[in-house]
Amino acid sequence: MTHPSVTIQITPESAPSTPSWIGEVAAFVMFLRILFVFLSDNFSSGLLQAA
C-alpha cells in the first residue's frame, strides 16, 4: 500500500481570498457610474426637466 505525499506549509504567509460578493458590488458600481453619466448628460442638454 502506497501513501500519498503530504505538503506541509512551513512559512506563515497566507493568501487571502477575494470575497464571493465582490463581483456583484463591482457590477453595481459600474451601473451607478453609467447611470450618473447618462443623467448628467441629459440634464445638461435639457432632455430631462427637473420637476
C-alpha atoms as a PDB file:
ATOM      1  CA  MET A   1       0.000   0.000   0.000  1.00  0.00           C
ATOM      2  CA  THR A   2       1.425   3.374  -1.019  1.00  0.00           C
ATOM      3  CA  HIS A   3       0.938   6.561   0.959  1.00  0.00           C
ATOM      4  CA  PRO A   4       0.177   9.843  -0.844  1.00  0.00           C
ATOM      5  CA  SER A   5       2.619  12.695  -0.320  1.00  0.00           C
ATOM      6  CA  VAL A   6       1.686  15.455   2.093  1.00  0.00           C
ATOM      7  CA  THR A   7       2.648  19.109   1.681  1.00  0.00           C
ATOM      8  CA  ILE A   8       3.354  20.984   4.901  1.00  0.00           C
ATOM      9  CA  GLN A   9       3.337  24.776   4.970  1.00  0.00           C
ATOM     10  CA  ILE A  10       6.306  25.982   6.998  1.00  0.00           C
ATOM     11  CA  THR A  11       6.076  29.719   6.321  1.00  0.00           C
ATOM     12  CA  PRO A  12       3.467  31.958   7.960  1.00  0.00           C
ATOM     13  CA  GLU A  13       2.464  33.553   4.641  1.00  0.00           C
ATOM     14  CA  SER A  14      -1.216  33.438   3.856  1.00  0.00           C
ATOM     15  CA  ALA A  15      -3.038  34.204   0.640  1.00  0.00           C
ATOM     16  CA  PRO A  16      -6.376  35.858   1.397  1.00  0.00           C
ATOM     17  CA  SER A  17      -9.161  35.019  -0.989  1.00  0.00           C
ATOM     18  CA  THR A  18     -11.470  37.507  -2.665  1.00  0.00           C
ATOM     19  CA  PRO A  19     -14.990  37.588  -1.206  1.00  0.00           C
ATOM     20  CA  SER A  20     -17.599  35.932  -3.399  1.00  0.00           C
ATOM     21  CA  TRP A  21     -19.792  39.053  -3.499  1.00  0.00           C
ATOM     22  CA  ILE A  22     -17.115  41.392  -4.858  1.00  0.00           C
ATOM     23  CA  GLY A  23     -18.212  40.796  -8.463  1.00  0.00           C
ATOM     24  CA  GLU A  24     -21.755  41.894  -7.699  1.00  0.00           C
ATOM     25  CA  VAL A  25     -20.512  45.047  -5.992  1.00  0.00           C
ATOM     26  CA  ALA A  26     -18.295  45.888  -8.977  1.00  0.00           C
ATOM     27  CA  ALA A  27     -21.198  45.399 -11.404  1.00  0.00           C
ATOM     28  CA  PHE A  28     -23.483  47.593  -9.291  1.00  0.00           C
ATOM     29  CA  VAL A  29     -20.868  50.356  -9.082  1.00  0.00           C
ATOM     30  CA  MET A  30     -20.422  50.236 -12.854  1.00  0.00           C
ATOM     31  CA  PHE A  31     -24.202  50.524 -13.293  1.00  0.00           C
ATOM     32  CA  LEU A  32     -24.321  53.557 -10.996  1.00  0.00           C
ATOM     33  CA  ARG A  33     -21.466  55.241 -12.860  1.00  0.00           C
ATOM     34  CA  ILE A  34     -23.180  54.722 -16.229  1.00  0.00           C
ATOM     35  CA  LEU A  35     -26.490  55.962 -14.810  1.00  0.00           C
ATOM     36  CA  PHE A  36     -24.814  59.054 -13.360  1.00  0.00           C
ATOM     37  CA  VAL A  37     -23.171  59.889 -16.699  1.00  0.00           C
ATOM     38  CA  PHE A  38     -26.451  59.339 -18.561  1.00  0.00           C
ATOM     39  CA  LEU A  39     -28.451  61.515 -16.192  1.00  0.00           C
ATOM     40  CA  SER A  40     -25.880  64.287 -16.001  1.00  0.00           C
ATOM     41  CA  ASP A  41     -25.621  64.433 -19.815  1.00  0.00           C
ATOM     42  CA  ASN A  42     -29.393  64.546 -20.233  1.00  0.00           C
ATOM     43  CA  PHE A  43     -29.931  67.190 -17.570  1.00  0.00           C
ATOM     44  CA  SER A  44     -27.229  69.399 -19.044  1.00  0.00           C
ATOM     45  CA  SER A  45     -28.663  69.082 -22.564  1.00  0.00           C
ATOM     46  CA  GLY A  46     -32.235  69.814 -21.410  1.00  0.00           C
ATOM     47  CA  LEU A  47     -33.714  66.435 -22.377  1.00  0.00           C
ATOM     48  CA  LEU A  48     -34.874  65.822 -18.829  1.00  0.00           C
ATOM     49  CA  GLN A  49     -36.540  68.612 -16.938  1.00  0.00           C
ATOM     50  CA  ALA A  50     -36.459  68.835 -13.166  1.00  0.00           C
ATOM     51  CA  ALA A  51     -39.970  68.816 -11.691  1.00  0.00           C
END
